[in-house]
Amino acid sequence: MIPIVCVVGRTNSGKTTLIEKLIPALGRRGYRVATIKRHHHGDFEADHPGKDSWRHAQAGSVATALAGSHRLAVFQHLPHELAPDVIAGLFVVPPDLVLTEGYKESGYPKIEVVRTAQGAEPLCGRDDRLVALVTDGPWDPGVPRFGLEDVEGLARFIVDVLLARPSASPA
């Protein structure tokens, strides 16, 4: 089973920026990372320059899914052009890790981004499968904390703790 880790937080907390930085940091460690961006609207236009899914792909994601309640779009980088019958079998080359943006209510492990400028408390606790907090604030939810710019430390944590054991699946 491919490990899944959810990056969660309030709107404009820095989730997309963190994922953009994590993808190459994990890639330098030899991991192929795919992303899923949760889309809260039932209908959407897909893969527009500057939008989150496009930014994930520009950062090096080997596959990106944009999921809404009524639509799913999948973008995957391939080593060569595929025939339509092969494309129908989707995700021919599975990633080593999937980072989602959103899905805070899921049973997957979560990394929450919280900025003090937003003036709000963290959304998740350990009971929500929070495994790390990325913040510039004083909160101590009893999980490892990383500064907003400590992407390398967070990448090390993901590799050493989350990928070292089969815990990145729903409870």
C-alpha atoms as a PDB file:
ATOM      1  CA  MET A   1       0.000   0.000   0.000  1.00  0.00           C
ATOM      2  CA  ILE A   2       1.314   3.465  -0.886  1.00  0.00           C
ATOM      3  CA  PRO A   3       1.781   5.628   2.239  1.00  0.00           C
ATOM      4  CA  ILE A   4      -0.490   8.683   2.405  1.00  0.00           C
ATOM      5  CA  VAL A   5       0.201  11.761   4.541  1.00  0.00           C
ATOM      6  CA  CYS A   6      -2.226  14.685   4.679  1.00  0.00           C
ATOM      7  CA  VAL A   7      -1.000  18.286   4.878  1.00  0.00           C
ATOM      8  CA  VAL A   8      -3.813  20.219   6.531  1.00  0.00           C
ATOM      9  CA  GLY A   9      -4.472  23.718   7.831  1.00  0.00           C
ATOM     10  CA  ARG A  10      -6.674  26.743   7.426  1.00  0.00           C
ATOM     11  CA  THR A  11      -7.044  28.595   4.122  1.00  0.00           C
ATOM     12  CA  ASN A  12      -3.853  30.502   3.232  1.00  0.00           C
ATOM     13  CA  SER A  13      -1.841  28.845   6.003  1.00  0.00           C
ATOM     14  CA  GLY A  14       0.879  27.735   3.579  1.00  0.00           C
ATOM     15  CA  LYS A  15      -0.122  24.144   2.764  1.00  0.00           C
ATOM     16  CA  THR A  16       0.611  24.410  -0.969  1.00  0.00           C
ATOM     17  CA  THR A  17       3.913  26.208  -0.369  1.00  0.00           C
ATOM     18  CA  LEU A  18       4.973  23.514   2.110  1.00  0.00           C
ATOM     19  CA  ILE A  19       4.087  20.730  -0.347  1.00  0.00           C
ATOM     20  CA  GLU A  20       5.968  22.548  -3.126  1.00  0.00           C
ATOM     21  CA  LYS A  21       9.068  22.510  -0.919  1.00  0.00           C
ATOM     22  CA  LEU A  22       8.583  18.958   0.407  1.00  0.00           C
ATOM     23  CA  ILE A  23       8.332  17.342  -3.035  1.00  0.00           C
ATOM     24  CA  PRO A  24      11.910  18.201  -4.107  1.00  0.00           C
ATOM     25  CA  ALA A  25      13.267  17.651  -0.549  1.00  0.00           C
ATOM     26  CA  LEU A  26      11.871  14.109  -0.591  1.00  0.00           C
ATOM     27  CA  GLY A  27      12.930  13.676  -4.212  1.00  0.00           C
ATOM     28  CA  ARG A  28      16.543  14.424  -3.244  1.00  0.00           C
ATOM     29  CA  ARG A  29      16.235  11.519  -0.811  1.00  0.00           C
ATOM     30  CA  GLY A  30      15.168   9.206  -3.639  1.00  0.00           C
ATOM     31  CA  TYR A  31      11.405   9.247  -3.092  1.00  0.00           C
ATOM     32  CA  ARG A  32       8.885   9.691  -5.889  1.00  0.00           C
ATOM     33  CA  VAL A  33       6.055  11.818  -4.515  1.00  0.00           C
ATOM     34  CA  ALA A  34       2.537  12.113  -5.902  1.00  0.00           C
ATOM     35  CA  THR A  35       0.008  14.645  -4.661  1.00  0.00           C
ATOM     36  CA  ILE A  36      -3.732  14.859  -4.272  1.00  0.00           C
ATOM     37  CA  LYS A  37      -5.314  18.292  -3.897  1.00  0.00           C
ATOM     38  CA  ARG A  38      -8.715  18.164  -2.272  1.00  0.00           C
ATOM     39  CA  HIS A  39     -11.115  20.500  -4.037  1.00  0.00           C
ATOM     40  CA  HIS A  40     -14.001  21.650  -1.868  1.00  0.00           C
ATOM     41  CA  HIS A  41     -16.249  22.640  -4.767  1.00  0.00           C
ATOM     42  CA  GLY A  42     -18.123  19.937  -6.653  1.00  0.00           C
ATOM     43  CA  ASP A  43     -17.090  21.235 -10.073  1.00  0.00           C
ATOM     44  CA  PHE A  44     -13.751  22.702 -11.103  1.00  0.00           C
ATOM     45  CA  GLU A  45     -11.496  23.513 -14.001  1.00  0.00           C
ATOM     46  CA  ALA A  46      -8.296  21.503 -13.879  1.00  0.00           C
ATOM     47  CA  ASP A  47      -4.572  22.245 -14.043  1.00  0.00           C
ATOM     48  CA  HIS A  48      -4.534  25.989 -14.675  1.00  0.00           C
ATOM     49  CA  PRO A  49      -1.156  27.758 -14.401  1.00  0.00           C
ATOM     50  CA  GLY A  50      -0.773  29.175 -10.910  1.00  0.00           C
ATOM     51  CA  LYS A  51      -3.399  26.904  -9.324  1.00  0.00           C
ATOM     52  CA  ASP A  52      -2.435  24.399  -6.608  1.00  0.00           C
ATOM     53  CA  SER A  53      -2.450  21.225  -8.750  1.00  0.00           C
ATOM     54  CA  TRP A  54      -0.339  22.964 -11.417  1.00  0.00           C
ATOM     55  CA  ARG A  55       2.053  24.178  -8.700  1.00  0.00           C
ATOM     56  CA  HIS A  56       2.359  20.597  -7.356  1.00  0.00           C
ATOM     57  CA  ALA A  57       3.292  19.392 -10.880  1.00  0.00           C
ATOM     58  CA  GLN A  58       5.733  22.278 -11.386  1.00  0.00           C
ATOM     59  CA  ALA A  59       7.410  21.313  -8.107  1.00  0.00           C
ATOM     60  CA  GLY A  60       8.095  17.821  -9.460  1.00  0.00           C
ATOM     61  CA  SER A  61       5.148  15.669  -8.401  1.00  0.00           C
ATOM     62  CA  VAL A  62       5.194  12.509 -10.556  1.00  0.00           C
ATOM     63  CA  ALA A  63       1.400  12.354 -10.361  1.00  0.00           C
ATOM     64  CA  THR A  64      -1.240  14.803  -9.203  1.00  0.00           C
ATOM     65  CA  ALA A  65      -4.923  14.216  -8.571  1.00  0.00           C
ATOM     66  CA  LEU A  66      -7.462  16.978  -8.107  1.00  0.00           C
ATOM     67  CA  ALA A  67     -10.487  15.568  -6.319  1.00  0.00           C
ATOM     68  CA  GLY A  68     -13.912  17.126  -5.843  1.00  0.00           C
ATOM     69  CA  SER A  69     -17.220  15.660  -4.791  1.00  0.00           C
ATOM     70  CA  HIS A  70     -18.372  15.255  -8.427  1.00  0.00           C
ATOM     71  CA  ARG A  71     -15.188  15.183 -10.471  1.00  0.00           C
ATOM     72  CA  LEU A  72     -11.695  13.693 -10.474  1.00  0.00           C
ATOM     73  CA  ALA A  73      -8.754  14.796 -12.591  1.00  0.00           C
ATOM     74  CA  VAL A  74      -5.440  12.957 -12.599  1.00  0.00           C
ATOM     75  CA  PHE A  75      -2.223  14.328 -14.111  1.00  0.00           C
ATOM     76  CA  GLN A  76       0.775  12.005 -14.266  1.00  0.00           C
ATOM     77  CA  HIS A  77       4.235  12.470 -15.734  1.00  0.00           C
ATOM     78  CA  LEU A  78       5.181   9.445 -17.822  1.00  0.00           C
ATOM     79  CA  PRO A  79       8.495   8.170 -19.161  1.00  0.00           C
ATOM     80  CA  HIS A  80       6.972   7.924 -22.672  1.00  0.00           C
ATOM     81  CA  GLU A  81       3.655   8.297 -24.495  1.00  0.00           C
ATOM     82  CA  LEU A  82       1.156   5.544 -23.682  1.00  0.00           C
ATOM     83  CA  ALA A  83      -1.508   3.928 -25.844  1.00  0.00           C
ATOM     84  CA  PRO A  84      -5.147   4.567 -24.836  1.00  0.00           C
ATOM     85  CA  ASP A  85      -5.635   1.002 -23.533  1.00  0.00           C
ATOM     86  CA  VAL A  86      -2.653   1.447 -21.185  1.00  0.00           C
ATOM     87  CA  ILE A  87      -3.877   4.870 -20.036  1.00  0.00           C
ATOM     88  CA  ALA A  88      -7.184   3.234 -19.057  1.00  0.00           C
ATOM     89  CA  GLY A  89      -5.266   1.274 -16.414  1.00  0.00           C
ATOM     90  CA  LEU A  90      -4.204   4.543 -14.673  1.00  0.00           C
ATOM     91  CA  PHE A  91      -1.305   5.034 -12.324  1.00  0.00           C
ATOM     92  CA  VAL A  92       0.921   2.681 -14.212  1.00  0.00           C
ATOM     93  CA  VAL A  93       3.950   3.820 -12.198  1.00  0.00           C
ATOM     94  CA  PRO A  94       2.967   4.143  -8.534  1.00  0.00           C
ATOM     95  CA  PRO A  95       4.699   6.731  -6.330  1.00  0.00           C
ATOM     96  CA  ASP A  96       6.560   5.985  -3.094  1.00  0.00           C
ATOM     97  CA  LEU A  97       4.456   8.463  -1.129  1.00  0.00           C
ATOM     98  CA  VAL A  98       1.283  10.477  -1.606  1.00  0.00           C
ATOM     99  CA  LEU A  99       0.983  13.895   0.025  1.00  0.00           C
ATOM    100  CA  THR A 100      -2.536  15.245   0.121  1.00  0.00           C
ATOM    101  CA  GLU A 101      -3.535  18.846   0.592  1.00  0.00           C
ATOM    102  CA  GLY A 102      -6.617  18.649   2.733  1.00  0.00           C
ATOM    103  CA  TYR A 103      -8.587  15.647   4.015  1.00  0.00           C
ATOM    104  CA  LYS A 104      -8.309  16.773   7.643  1.00  0.00           C
ATOM    105  CA  GLU A 105     -11.250  14.535   8.568  1.00  0.00           C
ATOM    106  CA  SER A 106      -9.596  11.405   7.140  1.00  0.00           C
ATOM    107  CA  GLY A 107      -7.960   8.627   9.116  1.00  0.00           C
ATOM    108  CA  TYR A 108      -4.551   9.224   7.526  1.00  0.00           C
ATOM    109  CA  PRO A 109      -1.565  10.757   9.357  1.00  0.00           C
ATOM    110  CA  LYS A 110      -1.622  14.556   9.268  1.00  0.00           C
ATOM    111  CA  ILE A 111       0.902  17.366   9.240  1.00  0.00           C
ATOM    112  CA  GLU A 112      -0.778  20.652  10.123  1.00  0.00           C
ATOM    113  CA  VAL A 113       0.436  24.102   9.095  1.00  0.00           C
ATOM    114  CA  VAL A 114      -0.519  26.882  11.554  1.00  0.00           C
ATOM    115  CA  ARG A 115       0.573  30.529  11.309  1.00  0.00           C
ATOM    116  CA  THR A 116       0.253  32.895  14.262  1.00  0.00           C
ATOM    117  CA  ALA A 117      -0.750  35.683  11.830  1.00  0.00           C
ATOM    118  CA  GLN A 118      -4.034  33.857  11.266  1.00  0.00           C
ATOM    119  CA  GLY A 119      -4.879  34.215  14.955  1.00  0.00           C
ATOM    120  CA  ALA A 120      -6.352  30.742  15.297  1.00  0.00           C
ATOM    121  CA  GLU A 121      -5.514  27.565  17.176  1.00  0.00           C
ATOM    122  CA  PRO A 122      -4.502  24.323  15.421  1.00  0.00           C
ATOM    123  CA  LEU A 123      -7.375  22.338  13.912  1.00  0.00           C
ATOM    124  CA  CYS A 124      -6.052  18.874  14.780  1.00  0.00           C
ATOM    125  CA  GLY A 125      -4.754  16.994  17.785  1.00  0.00           C
ATOM    126  CA  ARG A 126      -3.230  13.575  18.352  1.00  0.00           C
ATOM    127  CA  ASP A 127      -6.685  11.966  18.297  1.00  0.00           C
ATOM    128  CA  ASP A 128      -6.990  13.207  14.681  1.00  0.00           C
ATOM    129  CA  ARG A 129      -3.728  11.363  13.782  1.00  0.00           C
ATOM    130  CA  LEU A 130      -1.721  14.574  13.879  1.00  0.00           C
ATOM    131  CA  VAL A 131       1.914  13.488  13.569  1.00  0.00           C
ATOM    132  CA  ALA A 132       3.654  16.871  13.190  1.00  0.00           C
ATOM    133  CA  LEU A 133       2.979  20.600  13.459  1.00  0.00           C
ATOM    134  CA  VAL A 134       4.599  23.171  11.157  1.00  0.00           C
ATOM    135  CA  THR A 135       4.268  26.564  12.812  1.00  0.00           C
ATOM    136  CA  ASP A 136       5.743  29.850  13.942  1.00  0.00           C
ATOM    137  CA  GLY A 137       3.604  29.701  17.079  1.00  0.00           C
ATOM    138  CA  PRO A 138       3.889  28.374  20.646  1.00  0.00           C
ATOM    139  CA  TRP A 139       1.501  25.421  20.384  1.00  0.00           C
ATOM    140  CA  ASP A 140       2.552  22.064  21.793  1.00  0.00           C
ATOM    141  CA  PRO A 141       0.091  19.357  20.725  1.00  0.00           C
ATOM    142  CA  GLY A 142       2.450  16.590  21.877  1.00  0.00           C
ATOM    143  CA  VAL A 143       3.858  15.851  18.403  1.00  0.00           C
ATOM    144  CA  PRO A 144       7.098  16.988  16.734  1.00  0.00           C
ATOM    145  CA  ARG A 145       7.126  20.685  15.774  1.00  0.00           C
ATOM    146  CA  PHE A 146       8.911  22.227  12.822  1.00  0.00           C
ATOM    147  CA  GLY A 147       9.443  25.858  11.869  1.00  0.00           C
ATOM    148  CA  LEU A 148       7.735  27.154   8.741  1.00  0.00           C
ATOM    149  CA  GLU A 149      11.048  27.035   6.841  1.00  0.00           C
ATOM    150  CA  ASP A 150      12.372  23.738   8.276  1.00  0.00           C
ATOM    151  CA  VAL A 151      11.439  21.666   5.232  1.00  0.00           C
ATOM    152  CA  GLU A 152      14.590  19.532   5.433  1.00  0.00           C
ATOM    153  CA  GLY A 153      13.838  18.613   9.054  1.00  0.00           C
ATOM    154  CA  LEU A 154      10.257  17.753   8.143  1.00  0.00           C
ATOM    155  CA  ALA A 155      11.414  15.676   5.146  1.00  0.00           C
ATOM    156  CA  ARG A 156      13.808  13.768   7.435  1.00  0.00           C
ATOM    157  CA  PHE A 157      10.941  13.149   9.860  1.00  0.00           C
ATOM    158  CA  ILE A 158       8.687  11.859   7.068  1.00  0.00           C
ATOM    159  CA  VAL A 159      11.382   9.472   5.816  1.00  0.00           C
ATOM    160  CA  ASP A 160      12.660   8.308   9.209  1.00  0.00           C
ATOM    161  CA  VAL A 161       9.347   8.042  11.045  1.00  0.00           C
ATOM    162  CA  LEU A 162       6.441   7.835   8.612  1.00  0.00           C
ATOM    163  CA  LEU A 163       8.037   5.867   5.775  1.00  0.00           C
ATOM    164  CA  ALA A 164      10.089   3.618   8.079  1.00  0.00           C
ATOM    165  CA  ARG A 165       6.954   1.905   9.337  1.00  0.00           C
ATOM    166  CA  PRO A 166       3.597   1.072   7.731  1.00  0.00           C
ATOM    167  CA  SER A 167       1.632   3.740   9.642  1.00  0.00           C
ATOM    168  CA  ALA A 168       0.550   5.939   6.751  1.00  0.00           C
ATOM    169  CA  SER A 169      -2.798   4.260   6.284  1.00  0.00           C
ATOM    170  CA  PRO A 170      -6.213   5.015   7.784  1.00  0.00           C
ATOM    171  CA  ALA A 171      -6.830   3.927  11.346  1.00  0.00           C
END
